[in-house]
Amino acid sequence: MVVAKEKMMSYEEIRQKRVEENKKRMEALNLPQLSTLLHTPSFKPSPRKQMKLRTVEKQLVVVRRSNRVANKPAPVYQEVLVDKVMIPRRVSKHRDLSNRVYASDEARAEALEKAEKLESGLDPHFPVFIKSMLQSHVTGGFWLGLPVHFCKTNLPKRDEVMTLVDEEGHEYPTIYLAKKTGLSGGWKGFAVAHRLVDGDAVVFQLLQRTTFKVYIIRVKGSEQS
């Protein structure tokens, strides 16, 4: 009977009937309230903060002036062209080193042998060392490096004026640089005056704290009258 009754009802009536039945079931289970809670946001958006713009107040301030110049007119500035001060460069003279003469190994060794023989005949109470001359000692830079051990043991600990006394008794002041253990200013004058060349053997005998007696052994082929 129920099936026949449903057939006799129109489709719209059947749909409406089922909607009402479903609605009753939902109300019985309290589903409408749960649905409402699920669709309702649990938090409230915080109101947007209003941004306050900083305003900088500009004021004109009167510059304080000293009482001494308050009544004087303001200075007038003008552009002035100033010539650049140029320091002239030092022009170094080109040294002609093309005529350098280099001693042979045999000649150098022979001069050193003679110097050692001379050294053996000197008073042993005075410290002695021998230097075989190189081109840097007698041409160009004119710098004479001394044996480090000899300097540390016998020479002053700070820069001093050292006097070189040749075999004729002539004295030549030179600058001794303690940190560099060598003779600088004044050595050129001694080397040029005695016409030292590459291969000459020079014997330095320390007579006093700042005084050297100097003996020169000429390399073969450069003996001078």
C-alpha atoms as a PDB file:
ATOM      1  CA  MET A   1       0.000   0.000   0.000  1.00  0.00           C
ATOM      2  CA  VAL A   2       2.900   2.369   0.856  1.00  0.00           C
ATOM      3  CA  VAL A   3       4.603   1.784  -2.510  1.00  0.00           C
ATOM      4  CA  ALA A   4       1.399   2.354  -4.351  1.00  0.00           C
ATOM      5  CA  LYS A   5       0.763   5.487  -2.375  1.00  0.00           C
ATOM      6  CA  GLU A   6       4.250   6.805  -3.227  1.00  0.00           C
ATOM      7  CA  LYS A   7       3.708   6.127  -6.895  1.00  0.00           C
ATOM      8  CA  MET A   8       0.551   8.129  -6.773  1.00  0.00           C
ATOM      9  CA  MET A   9       2.478  11.137  -5.273  1.00  0.00           C
ATOM     10  CA  SER A  10       4.356  13.428  -7.557  1.00  0.00           C
ATOM     11  CA  TYR A  11       8.174  13.631  -7.494  1.00  0.00           C
ATOM     12  CA  GLU A  12       8.138  17.067  -5.911  1.00  0.00           C
ATOM     13  CA  GLU A  13       5.991  15.912  -3.075  1.00  0.00           C
ATOM     14  CA  ILE A  14       8.305  12.970  -2.416  1.00  0.00           C
ATOM     15  CA  ARG A  15      11.420  15.226  -2.343  1.00  0.00           C
ATOM     16  CA  GLN A  16       9.740  17.685   0.004  1.00  0.00           C
ATOM     17  CA  LYS A  17       8.730  14.886   2.315  1.00  0.00           C
ATOM     18  CA  ARG A  18      12.279  13.495   2.537  1.00  0.00           C
ATOM     19  CA  VAL A  19      13.690  16.963   3.251  1.00  0.00           C
ATOM     20  CA  GLU A  20      11.340  17.357   6.197  1.00  0.00           C
ATOM     21  CA  GLU A  21      12.242  13.890   7.497  1.00  0.00           C
ATOM     22  CA  ASN A  22      15.958  14.639   7.295  1.00  0.00           C
ATOM     23  CA  LYS A  23      15.423  17.953   9.025  1.00  0.00           C
ATOM     24  CA  LYS A  24      13.697  16.223  11.907  1.00  0.00           C
ATOM     25  CA  ARG A  25      16.527  13.725  12.250  1.00  0.00           C
ATOM     26  CA  MET A  26      19.147  16.536  12.330  1.00  0.00           C
ATOM     27  CA  GLU A  27      17.216  18.415  14.981  1.00  0.00           C
ATOM     28  CA  ALA A  28      17.014  15.256  17.043  1.00  0.00           C
ATOM     29  CA  LEU A  29      20.835  14.903  16.886  1.00  0.00           C
ATOM     30  CA  ASN A  30      21.450  18.650  17.522  1.00  0.00           C
ATOM     31  CA  LEU A  31      23.360  18.897  14.212  1.00  0.00           C
ATOM     32  CA  PRO A  32      22.213  22.380  13.131  1.00  0.00           C
ATOM     33  CA  GLN A  33      23.927  24.016  16.124  1.00  0.00           C
ATOM     34  CA  LEU A  34      27.160  22.103  15.498  1.00  0.00           C
ATOM     35  CA  SER A  35      27.138  23.188  11.863  1.00  0.00           C
ATOM     36  CA  THR A  36      26.686  26.810  12.897  1.00  0.00           C
ATOM     37  CA  LEU A  37      29.612  26.593  15.324  1.00  0.00           C
ATOM     38  CA  LEU A  38      31.874  25.088  12.686  1.00  0.00           C
ATOM     39  CA  HIS A  39      31.170  27.872  10.223  1.00  0.00           C
ATOM     40  CA  THR A  40      31.626  30.645  12.799  1.00  0.00           C
ATOM     41  CA  PRO A  41      35.254  31.884  13.124  1.00  0.00           C
ATOM     42  CA  SER A  42      36.745  31.318  16.583  1.00  0.00           C
ATOM     43  CA  PHE A  43      38.879  34.452  16.568  1.00  0.00           C
ATOM     44  CA  LYS A  44      38.171  38.059  15.977  1.00  0.00           C
ATOM     45  CA  PRO A  45      40.501  39.973  13.716  1.00  0.00           C
ATOM     46  CA  SER A  46      42.341  42.673  15.631  1.00  0.00           C
ATOM     47  CA  PRO A  47      41.478  46.146  14.511  1.00  0.00           C
ATOM     48  CA  ARG A  48      44.095  47.610  12.191  1.00  0.00           C
ATOM     49  CA  LYS A  49      46.438  49.895  13.991  1.00  0.00           C
ATOM     50  CA  GLN A  50      46.515  53.401  12.756  1.00  0.00           C
ATOM     51  CA  MET A  51      49.946  54.442  11.629  1.00  0.00           C
ATOM     52  CA  LYS A  52      51.054  57.766  12.926  1.00  0.00           C
ATOM     53  CA  LEU A  53      53.400  59.670  10.669  1.00  0.00           C
ATOM     54  CA  ARG A  54      56.272  61.449  12.330  1.00  0.00           C
ATOM     55  CA  THR A  55      56.277  65.079  11.609  1.00  0.00           C
ATOM     56  CA  VAL A  56      59.494  67.009  11.801  1.00  0.00           C
ATOM     57  CA  GLU A  57      59.018  70.553  12.704  1.00  0.00           C
ATOM     58  CA  LYS A  58      61.413  72.906  11.006  1.00  0.00           C
ATOM     59  CA  GLN A  59      62.267  76.161  12.628  1.00  0.00           C
ATOM     60  CA  LEU A  60      64.478  78.970  11.628  1.00  0.00           C
ATOM     61  CA  VAL A  61      67.048  79.675  14.319  1.00  0.00           C
ATOM     62  CA  VAL A  62      69.069  82.821  14.527  1.00  0.00           C
ATOM     63  CA  VAL A  63      72.789  82.014  14.560  1.00  0.00           C
ATOM     64  CA  ARG A  64      74.533  83.523  17.526  1.00  0.00           C
ATOM     65  CA  ARG A  65      77.483  85.698  16.684  1.00  0.00           C
ATOM     66  CA  SER A  66      80.276  86.922  18.934  1.00  0.00           C
ATOM     67  CA  ASN A  67      79.821  90.378  20.375  1.00  0.00           C
ATOM     68  CA  ARG A  68      83.098  91.403  18.794  1.00  0.00           C
ATOM     69  CA  VAL A  69      81.851  90.813  15.245  1.00  0.00           C
ATOM     70  CA  ALA A  70      78.121  91.290  15.719  1.00  0.00           C
ATOM     71  CA  ASN A  71      78.176  94.840  14.367  1.00  0.00           C
ATOM     72  CA  LYS A  72      80.571  94.097  11.519  1.00  0.00           C
ATOM     73  CA  PRO A  73      79.375  93.263   8.004  1.00  0.00           C
ATOM     74  CA  ALA A  74      79.264  89.613   6.991  1.00  0.00           C
ATOM     75  CA  PRO A  75      82.393  88.423   5.182  1.00  0.00           C
ATOM     76  CA  VAL A  76      82.292  87.999   1.426  1.00  0.00           C
ATOM     77  CA  TYR A  77      83.798  84.822   0.067  1.00  0.00           C
ATOM     78  CA  GLN A  78      85.269  84.693  -3.409  1.00  0.00           C
ATOM     79  CA  GLU A  79      86.848  81.896  -5.365  1.00  0.00           C
ATOM     80  CA  VAL A  80      90.599  82.339  -5.612  1.00  0.00           C
ATOM     81  CA  LEU A  81      92.770  80.309  -7.946  1.00  0.00           C
ATOM     82  CA  VAL A  82      95.777  78.937  -6.089  1.00  0.00           C
ATOM     83  CA  ASP A  83      98.760  77.660  -8.005  1.00  0.00           C
ATOM     84  CA  LYS A  84      99.679  74.099  -7.101  1.00  0.00           C
ATOM     85  CA  VAL A  85     102.978  73.857  -5.303  1.00  0.00           C
ATOM     86  CA  MET A  86     105.035  71.258  -7.083  1.00  0.00           C
ATOM     87  CA  ILE A  87     108.066  69.729  -5.429  1.00  0.00           C
ATOM     88  CA  PRO A  88     110.656  69.145  -8.125  1.00  0.00           C
ATOM     89  CA  ARG A  89     111.588  65.516  -8.467  1.00  0.00           C
ATOM     90  CA  ARG A  90     115.107  64.515  -7.751  1.00  0.00           C
ATOM     91  CA  VAL A  91     116.728  63.523 -11.017  1.00  0.00           C
ATOM     92  CA  SER A  92     119.164  60.719 -10.376  1.00  0.00           C
ATOM     93  CA  LYS A  93     122.201  60.675 -12.576  1.00  0.00           C
ATOM     94  CA  HIS A  94     122.547  57.544 -14.621  1.00  0.00           C
ATOM     95  CA  ARG A  95     125.682  55.679 -13.654  1.00  0.00           C
ATOM     96  CA  ASP A  96     127.683  54.239 -16.490  1.00  0.00           C
ATOM     97  CA  LEU A  97     128.554  50.771 -15.227  1.00  0.00           C
ATOM     98  CA  SER A  98     129.571  49.414 -18.598  1.00  0.00           C
ATOM     99  CA  ASN A  99     133.268  49.736 -17.731  1.00  0.00           C
ATOM    100  CA  ARG A 100     133.049  47.499 -14.674  1.00  0.00           C
ATOM    101  CA  VAL A 101     135.905  45.052 -14.400  1.00  0.00           C
ATOM    102  CA  TYR A 102     135.246  41.775 -12.573  1.00  0.00           C
ATOM    103  CA  ALA A 103     138.041  39.878 -10.925  1.00  0.00           C
ATOM    104  CA  SER A 104     138.534  36.242 -11.814  1.00  0.00           C
ATOM    105  CA  ASP A 105     138.040  33.590  -9.127  1.00  0.00           C
ATOM    106  CA  GLU A 106     141.756  32.828  -9.174  1.00  0.00           C
ATOM    107  CA  ALA A 107     142.760  36.476  -8.718  1.00  0.00           C
ATOM    108  CA  ARG A 108     140.227  36.956  -5.916  1.00  0.00           C
ATOM    109  CA  ALA A 109     141.447  33.842  -4.106  1.00  0.00           C
ATOM    110  CA  GLU A 110     145.073  34.982  -4.460  1.00  0.00           C
ATOM    111  CA  ALA A 111     144.292  38.396  -2.925  1.00  0.00           C
ATOM    112  CA  LEU A 112     142.439  36.729  -0.039  1.00  0.00           C
ATOM    113  CA  GLU A 113     145.404  34.431   0.602  1.00  0.00           C
ATOM    114  CA  LYS A 114     147.751  37.411   0.832  1.00  0.00           C
ATOM    115  CA  ALA A 115     145.300  39.189   3.171  1.00  0.00           C
ATOM    116  CA  GLU A 116     145.150  36.165   5.480  1.00  0.00           C
ATOM    117  CA  LYS A 117     148.966  36.076   5.575  1.00  0.00           C
ATOM    118  CA  LEU A 118     149.043  39.764   6.513  1.00  0.00           C
ATOM    119  CA  GLU A 119     146.383  39.141   9.194  1.00  0.00           C
ATOM    120  CA  SER A 120     148.478  36.403  10.777  1.00  0.00           C
ATOM    121  CA  GLY A 121     151.272  38.906  11.374  1.00  0.00           C
ATOM    122  CA  LEU A 122     149.061  41.484  13.166  1.00  0.00           C
ATOM    123  CA  ASP A 123     148.726  41.903  16.916  1.00  0.00           C
ATOM    124  CA  PRO A 124     146.203  39.212  18.017  1.00  0.00           C
ATOM    125  CA  HIS A 125     144.880  41.468  20.798  1.00  0.00           C
ATOM    126  CA  PHE A 126     142.951  43.516  18.242  1.00  0.00           C
ATOM    127  CA  PRO A 127     139.924  41.935  16.486  1.00  0.00           C
ATOM    128  CA  VAL A 128     140.347  41.521  12.727  1.00  0.00           C
ATOM    129  CA  PHE A 129     138.200  40.556   9.725  1.00  0.00           C
ATOM    130  CA  ILE A 130     138.778  40.487   5.960  1.00  0.00           C
ATOM    131  CA  LYS A 131     136.389  41.649   3.214  1.00  0.00           C
ATOM    132  CA  SER A 132     136.754  40.701  -0.435  1.00  0.00           C
ATOM    133  CA  MET A 133     135.486  43.649  -2.440  1.00  0.00           C
ATOM    134  CA  LEU A 134     132.450  43.220  -4.695  1.00  0.00           C
ATOM    135  CA  GLN A 135     130.997  45.607  -7.272  1.00  0.00           C
ATOM    136  CA  SER A 136     128.324  46.755  -4.790  1.00  0.00           C
ATOM    137  CA  HIS A 137     131.130  47.787  -2.398  1.00  0.00           C
ATOM    138  CA  VAL A 138     133.191  49.829  -4.864  1.00  0.00           C
ATOM    139  CA  THR A 139     130.712  50.970  -7.547  1.00  0.00           C
ATOM    140  CA  GLY A 140     127.014  51.787  -7.655  1.00  0.00           C
ATOM    141  CA  GLY A 141     125.561  51.608  -4.144  1.00  0.00           C
ATOM    142  CA  PHE A 142     128.820  51.885  -2.159  1.00  0.00           C
ATOM    143  CA  TRP A 143     127.429  49.912   0.784  1.00  0.00           C
ATOM    144  CA  LEU A 144     129.788  47.746   2.825  1.00  0.00           C
ATOM    145  CA  GLY A 145     128.151  45.054   4.934  1.00  0.00           C
ATOM    146  CA  LEU A 146     130.310  43.817   7.805  1.00  0.00           C
ATOM    147  CA  PRO A 147     130.333  40.327   9.387  1.00  0.00           C
ATOM    148  CA  VAL A 148     127.326  40.162  11.719  1.00  0.00           C
ATOM    149  CA  HIS A 149     129.065  38.147  14.431  1.00  0.00           C
ATOM    150  CA  PHE A 150     132.008  40.570  14.473  1.00  0.00           C
ATOM    151  CA  CYS A 151     129.645  43.546  14.791  1.00  0.00           C
ATOM    152  CA  LYS A 152     127.562  42.010  17.582  1.00  0.00           C
ATOM    153  CA  THR A 153     130.696  41.095  19.532  1.00  0.00           C
ATOM    154  CA  ASN A 154     132.944  44.127  19.047  1.00  0.00           C
ATOM    155  CA  LEU A 155     131.119  47.162  17.618  1.00  0.00           C
ATOM    156  CA  PRO A 156     128.722  49.692  19.236  1.00  0.00           C
ATOM    157  CA  LYS A 157     125.081  48.701  19.706  1.00  0.00           C
ATOM    158  CA  ARG A 158     123.826  51.901  18.114  1.00  0.00           C
ATOM    159  CA  ASP A 159     124.783  54.014  15.104  1.00  0.00           C
ATOM    160  CA  GLU A 160     128.198  55.629  15.413  1.00  0.00           C
ATOM    161  CA  VAL A 161     130.853  57.434  13.398  1.00  0.00           C
ATOM    162  CA  MET A 162     133.619  54.954  12.634  1.00  0.00           C
ATOM    163  CA  THR A 163     137.055  56.247  11.621  1.00  0.00           C
ATOM    164  CA  LEU A 164     138.985  54.358   8.957  1.00  0.00           C
ATOM    165  CA  VAL A 165     142.759  54.885   9.116  1.00  0.00           C
ATOM    166  CA  ASP A 166     144.681  53.826   6.027  1.00  0.00           C
ATOM    167  CA  GLU A 167     148.303  52.636   5.933  1.00  0.00           C
ATOM    168  CA  GLU A 168     149.574  56.192   5.479  1.00  0.00           C
ATOM    169  CA  GLY A 169     147.718  57.407   8.554  1.00  0.00           C
ATOM    170  CA  HIS A 170     144.953  59.317   6.744  1.00  0.00           C
ATOM    171  CA  GLU A 171     141.600  59.234   8.512  1.00  0.00           C
ATOM    172  CA  TYR A 172     138.177  58.807   6.861  1.00  0.00           C
ATOM    173  CA  PRO A 173     135.005  59.160   8.975  1.00  0.00           C
ATOM    174  CA  THR A 174     132.186  56.785   8.000  1.00  0.00           C
ATOM    175  CA  ILE A 175     128.688  56.100   9.323  1.00  0.00           C
ATOM    176  CA  TYR A 176     128.200  52.722  10.983  1.00  0.00           C
ATOM    177  CA  LEU A 177     124.571  51.505  11.016  1.00  0.00           C
ATOM    178  CA  ALA A 178     124.230  49.133  13.937  1.00  0.00           C
ATOM    179  CA  LYS A 179     120.928  47.521  12.911  1.00  0.00           C
ATOM    180  CA  LYS A 180     122.165  46.902   9.369  1.00  0.00           C
ATOM    181  CA  THR A 181     125.713  46.028  10.525  1.00  0.00           C
ATOM    182  CA  GLY A 182     127.440  47.961   7.778  1.00  0.00           C
ATOM    183  CA  LEU A 183     129.194  51.155   6.693  1.00  0.00           C
ATOM    184  CA  SER A 184     127.116  53.679   4.790  1.00  0.00           C
ATOM    185  CA  GLY A 185     127.936  57.383   4.431  1.00  0.00           C
ATOM    186  CA  GLY A 186     131.664  58.044   4.063  1.00  0.00           C
ATOM    187  CA  TRP A 187     132.533  54.603   2.770  1.00  0.00           C
ATOM    188  CA  LYS A 188     132.199  55.827  -0.827  1.00  0.00           C
ATOM    189  CA  GLY A 189     134.802  58.513  -0.174  1.00  0.00           C
ATOM    190  CA  PHE A 190     137.225  55.941   1.195  1.00  0.00           C
ATOM    191  CA  ALA A 191     136.622  53.481  -1.662  1.00  0.00           C
ATOM    192  CA  VAL A 192     137.043  56.157  -4.358  1.00  0.00           C
ATOM    193  CA  ALA A 193     140.079  57.728  -2.700  1.00  0.00           C
ATOM    194  CA  HIS A 194     141.824  54.341  -2.586  1.00  0.00           C
ATOM    195  CA  ARG A 195     140.571  53.223  -6.001  1.00  0.00           C
ATOM    196  CA  LEU A 196     139.187  49.974  -4.690  1.00  0.00           C
ATOM    197  CA  VAL A 197     138.073  47.505  -7.353  1.00  0.00           C
ATOM    198  CA  ASP A 198     136.286  44.192  -7.497  1.00  0.00           C
ATOM    199  CA  GLY A 199     138.478  41.460  -5.996  1.00  0.00           C
ATOM    200  CA  ASP A 200     140.601  43.626  -3.693  1.00  0.00           C
ATOM    201  CA  ALA A 201     140.980  42.147  -0.205  1.00  0.00           C
ATOM    202  CA  VAL A 202     140.653  44.663   2.646  1.00  0.00           C
ATOM    203  CA  VAL A 203     141.811  43.868   6.190  1.00  0.00           C
ATOM    204  CA  PHE A 204     139.998  45.722   9.016  1.00  0.00           C
ATOM    205  CA  GLN A 205     141.776  45.784  12.388  1.00  0.00           C
ATOM    206  CA  LEU A 206     139.752  47.291  15.274  1.00  0.00           C
ATOM    207  CA  LEU A 207     142.218  49.426  17.244  1.00  0.00           C
ATOM    208  CA  GLN A 208     139.610  51.256  19.327  1.00  0.00           C
ATOM    209  CA  ARG A 209     135.874  51.078  19.856  1.00  0.00           C
ATOM    210  CA  THR A 210     135.201  53.261  16.774  1.00  0.00           C
ATOM    211  CA  THR A 211     138.518  53.128  14.915  1.00  0.00           C
ATOM    212  CA  PHE A 212     139.642  50.685  12.210  1.00  0.00           C
ATOM    213  CA  LYS A 213     143.122  50.343  10.811  1.00  0.00           C
ATOM    214  CA  VAL A 214     142.683  49.350   7.175  1.00  0.00           C
ATOM    215  CA  TYR A 215     145.109  47.359   4.983  1.00  0.00           C
ATOM    216  CA  ILE A 216     144.462  46.881   1.261  1.00  0.00           C
ATOM    217  CA  ILE A 217     145.677  43.905  -0.769  1.00  0.00           C
ATOM    218  CA  ARG A 218     145.305  44.662  -4.471  1.00  0.00           C
ATOM    219  CA  VAL A 219     143.848  42.050  -6.758  1.00  0.00           C
ATOM    220  CA  LYS A 220     146.275  40.848  -9.422  1.00  0.00           C
ATOM    221  CA  GLY A 221     146.268  43.136 -12.434  1.00  0.00           C
ATOM    222  CA  SER A 222     145.138  46.251 -10.540  1.00  0.00           C
ATOM    223  CA  GLU A 223     148.362  47.091  -8.633  1.00  0.00           C
ATOM    224  CA  GLN A 224     148.896  50.850  -8.509  1.00  0.00           C
ATOM    225  CA  SER A 225     152.110  52.728  -8.234  1.00  0.00           C
END
